[in-house]
Amino acid sequence: MPQTTTGLGIVLILLGLIGFFVTGMQSVTALIPTFFGILFIILGLIAGKESSRKMAMHIAMGIGLLGLIGSFPGLIKGVTFLSGGEIARPAAVIAQSIMAILLLFYLVMGVKTFIDARKK
């Protein structure tokens, strides 16, 4: 799971940077996925040490949950956008939707990993 966490961090950094540049560098909020990505990379690296893995992964899951809660409204707006509805700031909605989907999959994988570890 540490490698997955680091990989997620890299993807979120890229998502934030792409969103920032695609929107003409007008809003720092486009970099929110980048900030989450940096945290995930740091936690993934910390989790590389066996002695701190459990703590780092629990913190990463908590941050993932906060990120999902924060980006979930964008996912709802994304469904509206895909069904042909009008939305303000489509680039932001797309980035939030991607972030929400990535974090949802990450949390599902993390919970499965925690359950499997508990069974052992």
PDB file of N, CA and C in Angstrom:
ATOM      1  N   MET A   1       0.803  -1.204   0.000  1.00  0.00           N
ATOM      2  CA  MET A   1       0.000   0.000   0.000  1.00  0.00           C
ATOM      3  C   MET A   1       0.854   1.279   0.000  1.00  0.00           C
ATOM      4  N   PRO A   2       2.071   1.254   0.539  1.00  0.00           N
ATOM      5  CA  PRO A   2       2.892   2.468   0.451  1.00  0.00           C
ATOM      6  C   PRO A   2       3.166   2.894  -0.994  1.00  0.00           C
ATOM      7  N   GLN A   3       3.398   1.928  -1.880  1.00  0.00           N
ATOM      8  CA  GLN A   3       3.644   2.273  -3.277  1.00  0.00           C
ATOM      9  C   GLN A   3       2.388   2.849  -3.924  1.00  0.00           C
ATOM     10  N   THR A   4       1.244   2.303  -3.586  1.00  0.00           N
ATOM     11  CA  THR A   4      -0.029   2.815  -4.100  1.00  0.00           C
ATOM     12  C   THR A   4      -0.250   4.246  -3.625  1.00  0.00           C
ATOM     13  N   THR A   5       0.074   4.503  -2.376  1.00  0.00           N
ATOM     14  CA  THR A   5      -0.086   5.838  -1.807  1.00  0.00           C
ATOM     15  C   THR A   5       0.824   6.831  -2.520  1.00  0.00           C
ATOM     16  N   THR A   6       2.055   6.449  -2.748  1.00  0.00           N
ATOM     17  CA  THR A   6       2.992   7.319  -3.459  1.00  0.00           C
ATOM     18  C   THR A   6       2.530   7.540  -4.900  1.00  0.00           C
ATOM     19  N   GLY A   7       2.076   6.476  -5.545  1.00  0.00           N
ATOM     20  CA  GLY A   7       1.564   6.597  -6.917  1.00  0.00           C
ATOM     21  C   GLY A   7       0.356   7.517  -7.001  1.00  0.00           C
ATOM     22  N   LEU A   8      -0.542   7.392  -6.035  1.00  0.00           N
ATOM     23  CA  LEU A   8      -1.704   8.277  -5.983  1.00  0.00           C
ATOM     24  C   LEU A   8      -1.245   9.720  -5.824  1.00  0.00           C
ATOM     25  N   GLY A   9      -0.244   9.922  -4.986  1.00  0.00           N
ATOM     26  CA  GLY A   9       0.287  11.266  -4.792  1.00  0.00           C
ATOM     27  C   GLY A   9       0.796  11.868  -6.086  1.00  0.00           C
ATOM     28  N   ILE A  10       1.507  11.088  -6.855  1.00  0.00           N
ATOM     29  CA  ILE A  10       2.042  11.571  -8.139  1.00  0.00           C
ATOM     30  C   ILE A  10       0.901  11.936  -9.079  1.00  0.00           C
ATOM     31  N   VAL A  11      -0.114  11.077  -9.157  1.00  0.00           N
ATOM     32  CA  VAL A  11      -1.253  11.345 -10.037  1.00  0.00           C
ATOM     33  C   VAL A  11      -1.992  12.610  -9.598  1.00  0.00           C
ATOM     34  N   LEU A  12      -2.179  12.785  -8.296  1.00  0.00           N
ATOM     35  CA  LEU A  12      -2.872  13.979  -7.809  1.00  0.00           C
ATOM     36  C   LEU A  12      -2.064  15.249  -8.076  1.00  0.00           C
ATOM     37  N   ILE A  13      -0.750  15.164  -7.946  1.00  0.00           N
ATOM     38  CA  ILE A  13       0.088  16.320  -8.269  1.00  0.00           C
ATOM     39  C   ILE A  13      -0.076  16.697  -9.740  1.00  0.00           C
ATOM     40  N   LEU A  14      -0.029  15.707 -10.607  1.00  0.00           N
ATOM     41  CA  LEU A  14      -0.211  15.969 -12.034  1.00  0.00           C
ATOM     42  C   LEU A  14      -1.591  16.540 -12.324  1.00  0.00           C
ATOM     43  N   LEU A  15      -2.618  16.002 -11.683  1.00  0.00           N
ATOM     44  CA  LEU A  15      -3.984  16.497 -11.866  1.00  0.00           C
ATOM     45  C   LEU A  15      -4.071  17.977 -11.487  1.00  0.00           C
ATOM     46  N   GLY A  16      -3.504  18.329 -10.359  1.00  0.00           N
ATOM     47  CA  GLY A  16      -3.538  19.717  -9.920  1.00  0.00           C
ATOM     48  C   GLY A  16      -2.777  20.651 -10.843  1.00  0.00           C
ATOM     49  N   LEU A  17      -1.595  20.222 -11.256  1.00  0.00           N
ATOM     50  CA  LEU A  17      -0.790  21.063 -12.141  1.00  0.00           C
ATOM     51  C   LEU A  17      -1.449  21.237 -13.507  1.00  0.00           C
ATOM     52  N   ILE A  18      -1.979  20.149 -14.048  1.00  0.00           N
ATOM     53  CA  ILE A  18      -2.671  20.239 -15.343  1.00  0.00           C
ATOM     54  C   ILE A  18      -3.882  21.160 -15.221  1.00  0.00           C
ATOM     55  N   GLY A  19      -4.664  20.977 -14.170  1.00  0.00           N
ATOM     56  CA  GLY A  19      -5.827  21.841 -13.961  1.00  0.00           C
ATOM     57  C   GLY A  19      -5.445  23.301 -13.822  1.00  0.00           C
ATOM     58  N   PHE A  20      -4.365  23.562 -13.124  1.00  0.00           N
ATOM     59  CA  PHE A  20      -3.906  24.938 -12.913  1.00  0.00           C
ATOM     60  C   PHE A  20      -3.512  25.590 -14.237  1.00  0.00           C
ATOM     61  N   PHE A  21      -2.749  24.875 -15.055  1.00  0.00           N
ATOM     62  CA  PHE A  21      -2.297  25.447 -16.315  1.00  0.00           C
ATOM     63  C   PHE A  21      -3.399  25.503 -17.369  1.00  0.00           C
ATOM     64  N   VAL A  22      -4.282  24.512 -17.392  1.00  0.00           N
ATOM     65  CA  VAL A  22      -5.384  24.508 -18.359  1.00  0.00           C
ATOM     66  C   VAL A  22      -6.339  25.674 -18.105  1.00  0.00           C
ATOM     67  N   THR A  23      -6.516  26.046 -16.857  1.00  0.00           N
ATOM     68  CA  THR A  23      -7.423  27.150 -16.526  1.00  0.00           C
ATOM     69  C   THR A  23      -6.728  28.508 -16.576  1.00  0.00           C
ATOM     70  N   GLY A  24      -5.541  28.556 -17.132  1.00  0.00           N
ATOM     71  CA  GLY A  24      -4.844  29.820 -17.303  1.00  0.00           C
ATOM     72  C   GLY A  24      -4.207  30.365 -16.037  1.00  0.00           C
ATOM     73  N   MET A  25      -3.932  29.502 -15.092  1.00  0.00           N
ATOM     74  CA  MET A  25      -3.270  29.873 -13.834  1.00  0.00           C
ATOM     75  C   MET A  25      -4.019  31.001 -13.119  1.00  0.00           C
ATOM     76  N   GLN A  26      -5.335  30.961 -13.176  1.00  0.00           N
ATOM     77  CA  GLN A  26      -6.148  32.020 -12.589  1.00  0.00           C
ATOM     78  C   GLN A  26      -6.472  31.785 -11.125  1.00  0.00           C
ATOM     79  N   SER A  27      -6.506  30.526 -10.706  1.00  0.00           N
ATOM     80  CA  SER A  27      -6.936  30.239  -9.346  1.00  0.00           C
ATOM     81  C   SER A  27      -6.011  29.224  -8.678  1.00  0.00           C
ATOM     82  N   VAL A  28      -5.566  29.570  -7.497  1.00  0.00           N
ATOM     83  CA  VAL A  28      -4.699  28.675  -6.733  1.00  0.00           C
ATOM     84  C   VAL A  28      -5.481  27.434  -6.282  1.00  0.00           C
ATOM     85  N   THR A  29      -6.796  27.531  -6.214  1.00  0.00           N
ATOM     86  CA  THR A  29      -7.589  26.369  -5.782  1.00  0.00           C
ATOM     87  C   THR A  29      -7.472  25.204  -6.756  1.00  0.00           C
ATOM     88  N   ALA A  30      -7.068  25.478  -7.984  1.00  0.00           N
ATOM     89  CA  ALA A  30      -6.849  24.383  -8.939  1.00  0.00           C
ATOM     90  C   ALA A  30      -5.700  23.485  -8.488  1.00  0.00           C
ATOM     91  N   LEU A  31      -4.869  23.996  -7.583  1.00  0.00           N
ATOM     92  CA  LEU A  31      -3.721  23.226  -7.090  1.00  0.00           C
ATOM     93  C   LEU A  31      -4.060  22.366  -5.868  1.00  0.00           C
ATOM     94  N   ILE A  32      -5.297  22.366  -5.429  1.00  0.00           N
ATOM     95  CA  ILE A  32      -5.665  21.575  -4.254  1.00  0.00           C
ATOM     96  C   ILE A  32      -5.268  20.106  -4.412  1.00  0.00           C
ATOM     97  N   PRO A  33      -5.538  19.466  -5.568  1.00  0.00           N
ATOM     98  CA  PRO A  33      -5.083  18.067  -5.708  1.00  0.00           C
ATOM     99  C   PRO A  33      -3.563  17.933  -5.541  1.00  0.00           C
ATOM    100  N   THR A  34      -2.813  18.942  -5.955  1.00  0.00           N
ATOM    101  CA  THR A  34      -1.359  18.912  -5.812  1.00  0.00           C
ATOM    102  C   THR A  34      -0.957  18.874  -4.346  1.00  0.00           C
ATOM    103  N   PHE A  35      -1.629  19.678  -3.525  1.00  0.00           N
ATOM    104  CA  PHE A  35      -1.317  19.688  -2.096  1.00  0.00           C
ATOM    105  C   PHE A  35      -1.625  18.332  -1.454  1.00  0.00           C
ATOM    106  N   PHE A  36      -2.752  17.741  -1.839  1.00  0.00           N
ATOM    107  CA  PHE A  36      -3.080  16.395  -1.344  1.00  0.00           C
ATOM    108  C   PHE A  36      -2.027  15.399  -1.832  1.00  0.00           C
ATOM    109  N   GLY A  37      -1.620  15.534  -3.087  1.00  0.00           N
ATOM    110  CA  GLY A  37      -0.621  14.629  -3.647  1.00  0.00           C
ATOM    111  C   GLY A  37       0.693  14.672  -2.900  1.00  0.00           C
ATOM    112  N   ILE A  38       1.114  15.869  -2.521  1.00  0.00           N
ATOM    113  CA  ILE A  38       2.362  16.001  -1.762  1.00  0.00           C
ATOM    114  C   ILE A  38       2.247  15.266  -0.429  1.00  0.00           C
ATOM    115  N   LEU A  39       1.105  15.416   0.233  1.00  0.00           N
ATOM    116  CA  LEU A  39       0.899  14.703   1.504  1.00  0.00           C
ATOM    117  C   LEU A  39       0.948  13.195   1.309  1.00  0.00           C
ATOM    118  N   PHE A  40       0.316  12.710   0.240  1.00  0.00           N
ATOM    119  CA  PHE A  40       0.314  11.262  -0.013  1.00  0.00           C
ATOM    120  C   PHE A  40       1.719  10.745  -0.315  1.00  0.00           C
ATOM    121  N   ILE A  41       2.500  11.496  -1.056  1.00  0.00           N
ATOM    122  CA  ILE A  41       3.876  11.064  -1.325  1.00  0.00           C
ATOM    123  C   ILE A  41       4.669  10.995  -0.029  1.00  0.00           C
ATOM    124  N   ILE A  42       4.557  12.005   0.799  1.00  0.00           N
ATOM    125  CA  ILE A  42       5.275  12.011   2.082  1.00  0.00           C
ATOM    126  C   ILE A  42       4.857  10.811   2.924  1.00  0.00           C
ATOM    127  N   LEU A  43       3.551  10.570   3.020  1.00  0.00           N
ATOM    128  CA  LEU A  43       3.067   9.436   3.826  1.00  0.00           C
ATOM    129  C   LEU A  43       3.465   8.101   3.215  1.00  0.00           C
ATOM    130  N   GLY A  44       3.473   8.013   1.895  1.00  0.00           N
ATOM    131  CA  GLY A  44       3.918   6.789   1.241  1.00  0.00           C
ATOM    132  C   GLY A  44       5.374   6.490   1.537  1.00  0.00           C
ATOM    133  N   LEU A  45       6.191   7.537   1.553  1.00  0.00           N
ATOM    134  CA  LEU A  45       7.605   7.360   1.874  1.00  0.00           C
ATOM    135  C   LEU A  45       7.797   6.978   3.345  1.00  0.00           C
ATOM    136  N   ILE A  46       7.042   7.615   4.225  1.00  0.00           N
ATOM    137  CA  ILE A  46       7.120   7.262   5.649  1.00  0.00           C
ATOM    138  C   ILE A  46       6.694   5.814   5.851  1.00  0.00           C
ATOM    139  N   ALA A  47       5.658   5.398   5.126  1.00  0.00           N
ATOM    140  CA  ALA A  47       5.152   4.030   5.266  1.00  0.00           C
ATOM    141  C   ALA A  47       6.111   2.987   4.704  1.00  0.00           C
ATOM    142  N   GLY A  48       7.122   3.432   3.993  1.00  0.00           N
ATOM    143  CA  GLY A  48       8.123   2.504   3.484  1.00  0.00           C
ATOM    144  C   GLY A  48       8.901   1.821   4.598  1.00  0.00           C
ATOM    145  N   LYS A  49       8.951   2.462   5.756  1.00  0.00           N
ATOM    146  CA  LYS A  49       9.595   1.850   6.918  1.00  0.00           C
ATOM    147  C   LYS A  49       8.532   1.036   7.663  1.00  0.00           C
ATOM    148  N   GLU A  50       8.833  -0.200   7.891  1.00  0.00           N
ATOM    149  CA  GLU A  50       7.880  -1.110   8.546  1.00  0.00           C
ATOM    150  C   GLU A  50       7.400  -0.567   9.891  1.00  0.00           C
ATOM    151  N   SER A  51       8.283   0.071  10.633  1.00  0.00           N
ATOM    152  CA  SER A  51       7.940   0.540  11.972  1.00  0.00           C
ATOM    153  C   SER A  51       6.900   1.665  11.966  1.00  0.00           C
ATOM    154  N   SER A  52       6.808   2.402  10.885  1.00  0.00           N
ATOM    155  CA  SER A  52       5.856   3.514  10.844  1.00  0.00           C
ATOM    156  C   SER A  52       4.737   3.312   9.820  1.00  0.00           C
ATOM    157  N   ARG A  53       4.662   2.132   9.239  1.00  0.00           N
ATOM    158  CA  ARG A  53       3.689   1.871   8.175  1.00  0.00           C
ATOM    159  C   ARG A  53       2.246   2.023   8.646  1.00  0.00           C
ATOM    160  N   LYS A  54       1.924   1.410   9.771  1.00  0.00           N
ATOM    161  CA  LYS A  54       0.535   1.418  10.239  1.00  0.00           C
ATOM    162  C   LYS A  54       0.052   2.845  10.485  1.00  0.00           C
ATOM    163  N   MET A  55       0.855   3.629  11.173  1.00  0.00           N
ATOM    164  CA  MET A  55       0.478   5.004  11.472  1.00  0.00           C
ATOM    165  C   MET A  55       0.324   5.821  10.182  1.00  0.00           C
ATOM    166  N   ALA A  56       1.293   5.718   9.291  1.00  0.00           N
ATOM    167  CA  ALA A  56       1.270   6.501   8.055  1.00  0.00           C
ATOM    168  C   ALA A  56       0.071   6.131   7.181  1.00  0.00           C
ATOM    169  N   MET A  57      -0.247   4.855   7.111  1.00  0.00           N
ATOM    170  CA  MET A  57      -1.370   4.435   6.280  1.00  0.00           C
ATOM    171  C   MET A  57      -2.711   4.873   6.876  1.00  0.00           C
ATOM    172  N   HIS A  58      -2.809   4.869   8.187  1.00  0.00           N
ATOM    173  CA  HIS A  58      -4.038   5.355   8.818  1.00  0.00           C
ATOM    174  C   HIS A  58      -4.204   6.864   8.582  1.00  0.00           C
ATOM    175  N   ILE A  59      -3.125   7.605   8.669  1.00  0.00           N
ATOM    176  CA  ILE A  59      -3.185   9.036   8.398  1.00  0.00           C
ATOM    177  C   ILE A  59      -3.547   9.276   6.934  1.00  0.00           C
ATOM    178  N   ALA A  60      -2.951   8.502   6.035  1.00  0.00           N
ATOM    179  CA  ALA A  60      -3.240   8.644   4.609  1.00  0.00           C
ATOM    180  C   ALA A  60      -4.713   8.344   4.319  1.00  0.00           C
ATOM    181  N   MET A  61      -5.256   7.343   4.973  1.00  0.00           N
ATOM    182  CA  MET A  61      -6.677   7.024   4.771  1.00  0.00           C
ATOM    183  C   MET A  61      -7.561   8.162   5.288  1.00  0.00           C
ATOM    184  N   GLY A  62      -7.182   8.760   6.403  1.00  0.00           N
ATOM    185  CA  GLY A  62      -7.942   9.899   6.934  1.00  0.00           C
ATOM    186  C   GLY A  62      -7.896  11.087   5.977  1.00  0.00           C
ATOM    187  N   ILE A  63      -6.728  11.361   5.439  1.00  0.00           N
ATOM    188  CA  ILE A  63      -6.590  12.457   4.475  1.00  0.00           C
ATOM    189  C   ILE A  63      -7.370  12.127   3.205  1.00  0.00           C
ATOM    190  N   GLY A  64      -7.334  10.864   2.812  1.00  0.00           N
ATOM    191  CA  GLY A  64      -8.109  10.441   1.647  1.00  0.00           C
ATOM    192  C   GLY A  64      -9.602  10.646   1.850  1.00  0.00           C
ATOM    193  N   LEU A  65     -10.074  10.340   3.046  1.00  0.00           N
ATOM    194  CA  LEU A  65     -11.491  10.531   3.354  1.00  0.00           C
ATOM    195  C   LEU A  65     -11.851  12.018   3.325  1.00  0.00           C
ATOM    196  N   LEU A  66     -11.003  12.850   3.907  1.00  0.00           N
ATOM    197  CA  LEU A  66     -11.251  14.299   3.864  1.00  0.00           C
ATOM    198  C   LEU A  66     -11.266  14.817   2.418  1.00  0.00           C
ATOM    199  N   GLY A  67     -10.344  14.330   1.621  1.00  0.00           N
ATOM    200  CA  GLY A  67     -10.301  14.735   0.218  1.00  0.00           C
ATOM    201  C   GLY A  67     -11.530  14.283  -0.541  1.00  0.00           C
ATOM    202  N   LEU A  68     -11.998  13.075  -0.249  1.00  0.00           N
ATOM    203  CA  LEU A  68     -13.208  12.570  -0.904  1.00  0.00           C
ATOM    204  C   LEU A  68     -14.409  13.421  -0.518  1.00  0.00           C
ATOM    205  N   ILE A  69     -14.533  13.718   0.761  1.00  0.00           N
ATOM    206  CA  ILE A  69     -15.654  14.552   1.221  1.00  0.00           C
ATOM    207  C   ILE A  69     -15.605  15.924   0.541  1.00  0.00           C
ATOM    208  N   GLY A  70     -14.418  16.491   0.438  1.00  0.00           N
ATOM    209  CA  GLY A  70     -14.275  17.806  -0.182  1.00  0.00           C
ATOM    210  C   GLY A  70     -14.514  17.818  -1.680  1.00  0.00           C
ATOM    211  N   SER A  71     -14.178  16.737  -2.358  1.00  0.00           N
ATOM    212  CA  SER A  71     -14.320  16.702  -3.816  1.00  0.00           C
ATOM    213  C   SER A  71     -15.617  16.054  -4.281  1.00  0.00           C
ATOM    214  N   PHE A  72     -16.359  15.464  -3.368  1.00  0.00           N
ATOM    215  CA  PHE A  72     -17.593  14.764  -3.744  1.00  0.00           C
ATOM    216  C   PHE A  72     -18.621  15.678  -4.417  1.00  0.00           C
ATOM    217  N   PRO A  73     -18.814  16.922  -3.959  1.00  0.00           N
ATOM    218  CA  PRO A  73     -19.761  17.798  -4.671  1.00  0.00           C
ATOM    219  C   PRO A  73     -19.396  17.978  -6.150  1.00  0.00           C
ATOM    220  N   GLY A  74     -18.119  17.983  -6.455  1.00  0.00           N
ATOM    221  CA  GLY A  74     -17.691  18.068  -7.846  1.00  0.00           C
ATOM    222  C   GLY A  74     -18.108  16.844  -8.641  1.00  0.00           C
ATOM    223  N   LEU A  75     -18.115  15.701  -7.990  1.00  0.00           N
ATOM    224  CA  LEU A  75     -18.547  14.474  -8.656  1.00  0.00           C
ATOM    225  C   LEU A  75     -20.031  14.552  -9.001  1.00  0.00           C
ATOM    226  N   ILE A  76     -20.820  15.090  -8.092  1.00  0.00           N
ATOM    227  CA  ILE A  76     -22.257  15.261  -8.350  1.00  0.00           C
ATOM    228  C   ILE A  76     -22.458  16.215  -9.530  1.00  0.00           C
ATOM    229  N   LYS A  77     -21.719  17.318  -9.539  1.00  0.00           N
ATOM    230  CA  LYS A  77     -21.812  18.274 -10.648  1.00  0.00           C
ATOM    231  C   LYS A  77     -21.301  17.646 -11.944  1.00  0.00           C
ATOM    232  N   GLY A  78     -20.328  16.734 -11.823  1.00  0.00           N
ATOM    233  CA  GLY A  78     -19.804  16.042 -12.993  1.00  0.00           C
ATOM    234  C   GLY A  78     -20.859  15.188 -13.661  1.00  0.00           C
ATOM    235  N   VAL A  79     -21.704  14.563 -12.872  1.00  0.00           N
ATOM    236  CA  VAL A  79     -22.809  13.768 -13.428  1.00  0.00           C
ATOM    237  C   VAL A  79     -23.761  14.692 -14.189  1.00  0.00           C
ATOM    238  N   THR A  80     -24.035  15.859 -13.612  1.00  0.00           N
ATOM    239  CA  THR A  80     -24.880  16.853 -14.296  1.00  0.00           C
ATOM    240  C   THR A  80     -24.244  17.279 -15.613  1.00  0.00           C
ATOM    241  N   PHE A  81     -22.945  17.520 -15.578  1.00  0.00           N
ATOM    242  CA  PHE A  81     -22.208  17.939 -16.772  1.00  0.00           C
ATOM    243  C   PHE A  81     -22.255  16.857 -17.853  1.00  0.00           C
ATOM    244  N   LEU A  82     -22.045  15.611 -17.469  1.00  0.00           N
ATOM    245  CA  LEU A  82     -22.057  14.506 -18.435  1.00  0.00           C
ATOM    246  C   LEU A  82     -23.443  14.261 -19.016  1.00  0.00           C
ATOM    247  N   SER A  83     -24.481  14.615 -18.263  1.00  0.00           N
ATOM    248  CA  SER A  83     -25.846  14.414 -18.769  1.00  0.00           C
ATOM    249  C   SER A  83     -26.338  15.619 -19.575  1.00  0.00           C
ATOM    250  N   GLY A  84     -25.437  16.573 -19.845  1.00  0.00           N
ATOM    251  CA  GLY A  84     -25.773  17.695 -20.703  1.00  0.00           C
ATOM    252  C   GLY A  84     -26.219  18.946 -19.980  1.00  0.00           C
ATOM    253  N   GLY A  85     -26.161  18.934 -18.677  1.00  0.00           N
ATOM    254  CA  GLY A  85     -26.566  20.106 -17.904  1.00  0.00           C
ATOM    255  C   GLY A  85     -25.516  21.200 -17.930  1.00  0.00           C
ATOM    256  N   GLU A  86     -25.948  22.388 -17.581  1.00  0.00           N
ATOM    257  CA  GLU A  86     -25.047  23.537 -17.519  1.00  0.00           C
ATOM    258  C   GLU A  86     -24.420  23.619 -16.129  1.00  0.00           C
ATOM    259  N   ILE A  87     -23.111  23.852 -16.094  1.00  0.00           N
ATOM    260  CA  ILE A  87     -22.413  24.023 -14.825  1.00  0.00           C
ATOM    261  C   ILE A  87     -21.414  25.161 -14.958  1.00  0.00           C
ATOM    262  N   ALA A  88     -21.135  25.785 -13.844  1.00  0.00           N
ATOM    263  CA  ALA A  88     -20.089  26.811 -13.834  1.00  0.00           C
ATOM    264  C   ALA A  88     -18.733  26.112 -13.676  1.00  0.00           C
ATOM    265  N   ARG A  89     -17.723  26.631 -14.284  1.00  0.00           N
ATOM    266  CA  ARG A  89     -16.342  26.144 -14.190  1.00  0.00           C
ATOM    267  C   ARG A  89     -16.205  24.640 -14.473  1.00  0.00           C
ATOM    268  N   PRO A  90     -16.445  24.235 -15.699  1.00  0.00           N
ATOM    269  CA  PRO A  90     -16.369  22.802 -16.038  1.00  0.00           C
ATOM    270  C   PRO A  90     -14.999  22.178 -15.751  1.00  0.00           C
ATOM    271  N   ALA A  91     -13.912  22.925 -15.941  1.00  0.00           N
ATOM    272  CA  ALA A  91     -12.584  22.360 -15.678  1.00  0.00           C
ATOM    273  C   ALA A  91     -12.434  21.989 -14.212  1.00  0.00           C
ATOM    274  N   ALA A  92     -12.961  22.830 -13.320  1.00  0.00           N
ATOM    275  CA  ALA A  92     -12.891  22.538 -11.887  1.00  0.00           C
ATOM    276  C   ALA A  92     -13.728  21.315 -11.543  1.00  0.00           C
ATOM    277  N   VAL A  93     -14.884  21.204 -12.163  1.00  0.00           N
ATOM    278  CA  VAL A  93     -15.762  20.060 -11.901  1.00  0.00           C
ATOM    279  C   VAL A  93     -15.108  18.769 -12.378  1.00  0.00           C
ATOM    280  N   ILE A  94     -14.472  18.814 -13.530  1.00  0.00           N
ATOM    281  CA  ILE A  94     -13.789  17.622 -14.044  1.00  0.00           C
ATOM    282  C   ILE A  94     -12.660  17.217 -13.106  1.00  0.00           C
ATOM    283  N   ALA A  95     -11.851  18.178 -12.665  1.00  0.00           N
ATOM    284  CA  ALA A  95     -10.740  17.873 -11.760  1.00  0.00           C
ATOM    285  C   ALA A  95     -11.252  17.321 -10.431  1.00  0.00           C
ATOM    286  N   GLN A  96     -12.312  17.916  -9.894  1.00  0.00           N
ATOM    287  CA  GLN A  96     -12.881  17.426  -8.635  1.00  0.00           C
ATOM    288  C   GLN A  96     -13.433  16.025  -8.801  1.00  0.00           C
ATOM    289  N   SER A  97     -14.080  15.771  -9.931  1.00  0.00           N
ATOM    290  CA  SER A  97     -14.633  14.435 -10.180  1.00  0.00           C
ATOM    291  C   SER A  97     -13.539  13.378 -10.260  1.00  0.00           C
ATOM    292  N   ILE A  98     -12.469  13.704 -10.967  1.00  0.00           N
ATOM    293  CA  ILE A  98     -11.345  12.772 -11.085  1.00  0.00           C
ATOM    294  C   ILE A  98     -10.736  12.518  -9.705  1.00  0.00           C
ATOM    295  N   MET A  99     -10.552  13.583  -8.936  1.00  0.00           N
ATOM    296  CA  MET A  99      -9.989  13.433  -7.597  1.00  0.00           C
ATOM    297  C   MET A  99     -10.891  12.567  -6.724  1.00  0.00           C
ATOM    298  N   ALA A 100     -12.201  12.805  -6.787  1.00  0.00           N
ATOM    299  CA  ALA A 100     -13.144  12.018  -5.979  1.00  0.00           C
ATOM    300  C   ALA A 100     -13.087  10.544  -6.356  1.00  0.00           C
ATOM    301  N   ILE A 101     -13.056  10.244  -7.638  1.00  0.00           N
ATOM    302  CA  ILE A 101     -13.013   8.843  -8.088  1.00  0.00           C
ATOM    303  C   ILE A 101     -11.706   8.184  -7.649  1.00  0.00           C
ATOM    304  N   LEU A 102     -10.588   8.879  -7.829  1.00  0.00           N
ATOM    305  CA  LEU A 102      -9.292   8.322  -7.408  1.00  0.00           C
ATOM    306  C   LEU A 102      -9.280   8.032  -5.908  1.00  0.00           C
ATOM    307  N   LEU A 103      -9.769   8.982  -5.115  1.00  0.00           N
ATOM    308  CA  LEU A 103      -9.755   8.804  -3.666  1.00  0.00           C
ATOM    309  C   LEU A 103     -10.731   7.723  -3.223  1.00  0.00           C
ATOM    310  N   LEU A 104     -11.859   7.603  -3.905  1.00  0.00           N
ATOM    311  CA  LEU A 104     -12.804   6.533  -3.570  1.00  0.00           C
ATOM    312  C   LEU A 104     -12.158   5.168  -3.783  1.00  0.00           C
ATOM    313  N   PHE A 105     -11.514   4.976  -4.928  1.00  0.00           N
ATOM    314  CA  PHE A 105     -10.826   3.700  -5.183  1.00  0.00           C
ATOM    315  C   PHE A 105      -9.705   3.472  -4.174  1.00  0.00           C
ATOM    316  N   TYR A 106      -8.974   4.524  -3.842  1.00  0.00           N
ATOM    317  CA  TYR A 106      -7.890   4.403  -2.866  1.00  0.00           C
ATOM    318  C   TYR A 106      -8.432   3.966  -1.503  1.00  0.00           C
ATOM    319  N   LEU A 107      -9.520   4.572  -1.078  1.00  0.00           N
ATOM    320  CA  LEU A 107     -10.102   4.219   0.221  1.00  0.00           C
ATOM    321  C   LEU A 107     -10.624   2.795   0.229  1.00  0.00           C
ATOM    322  N   VAL A 108     -11.248   2.371  -0.855  1.00  0.00           N
ATOM    323  CA  VAL A 108     -11.733   0.986  -0.941  1.00  0.00           C
ATOM    324  C   VAL A 108     -10.556   0.016  -0.863  1.00  0.00           C
ATOM    325  N   MET A 109      -9.497   0.313  -1.599  1.00  0.00           N
ATOM    326  CA  MET A 109      -8.303  -0.543  -1.549  1.00  0.00           C
ATOM    327  C   MET A 109      -7.697  -0.555  -0.153  1.00  0.00           C
ATOM    328  N   GLY A 110      -7.650   0.610   0.483  1.00  0.00           N
ATOM    329  CA  GLY A 110      -7.076   0.707   1.823  1.00  0.00           C
ATOM    330  C   GLY A 110      -7.870  -0.073   2.848  1.00  0.00           C
ATOM    331  N   VAL A 111      -9.186   0.028   2.791  1.00  0.00           N
ATOM    332  CA  VAL A 111     -10.028  -0.724   3.728  1.00  0.00           C
ATOM    333  C   VAL A 111      -9.834  -2.216   3.509  1.00  0.00           C
ATOM    334  N   LYS A 112      -9.781  -2.635   2.247  1.00  0.00           N
ATOM    335  CA  LYS A 112      -9.542  -4.060   1.964  1.00  0.00           C
ATOM    336  C   LYS A 112      -8.190  -4.499   2.521  1.00  0.00           C
ATOM    337  N   THR A 113      -7.180  -3.672   2.370  1.00  0.00           N
ATOM    338  CA  THR A 113      -5.852  -3.986   2.895  1.00  0.00           C
ATOM    339  C   THR A 113      -5.889  -4.092   4.419  1.00  0.00           C
ATOM    340  N   PHE A 114      -6.590  -3.175   5.074  1.00  0.00           N
ATOM    341  CA  PHE A 114      -6.707  -3.212   6.538  1.00  0.00           C
ATOM    342  C   PHE A 114      -7.427  -4.484   6.987  1.00  0.00           C
ATOM    343  N   ILE A 115      -8.487  -4.853   6.281  1.00  0.00           N
ATOM    344  CA  ILE A 115      -9.231  -6.076   6.635  1.00  0.00           C
ATOM    345  C   ILE A 115      -8.345  -7.300   6.456  1.00  0.00           C
ATOM    346  N   ASP A 116      -7.646  -7.361   5.329  1.00  0.00           N
ATOM    347  CA  ASP A 116      -6.749  -8.509   5.083  1.00  0.00           C
ATOM    348  C   ASP A 116      -5.660  -8.594   6.137  1.00  0.00           C
ATOM    349  N   ALA A 117      -5.088  -7.459   6.538  1.00  0.00           N
ATOM    350  CA  ALA A 117      -4.042  -7.447   7.547  1.00  0.00           C
ATOM    351  C   ALA A 117      -4.598  -7.889   8.898  1.00  0.00           C
ATOM    352  N   ARG A 118      -5.818  -7.504   9.181  1.00  0.00           N
ATOM    353  CA  ARG A 118      -6.455  -7.875  10.467  1.00  0.00           C
ATOM    354  C   ARG A 118      -6.705  -9.392  10.524  1.00  0.00           C
ATOM    355  N   LYS A 119      -7.049  -9.985   9.379  1.00  0.00           N
ATOM    356  CA  LYS A 119      -7.301 -11.426   9.331  1.00  0.00           C
ATOM    357  C   LYS A 119      -6.023 -12.227   9.581  1.00  0.00           C
ATOM    358  N   LYS A 120      -4.885 -11.670   9.207  1.00  0.00           N
ATOM    359  CA  LYS A 120      -3.611 -12.366   9.398  1.00  0.00           C
ATOM    360  C   LYS A 120      -3.235 -12.252  10.828  1.00  0.00           C
TER     361      LYS A 120
END
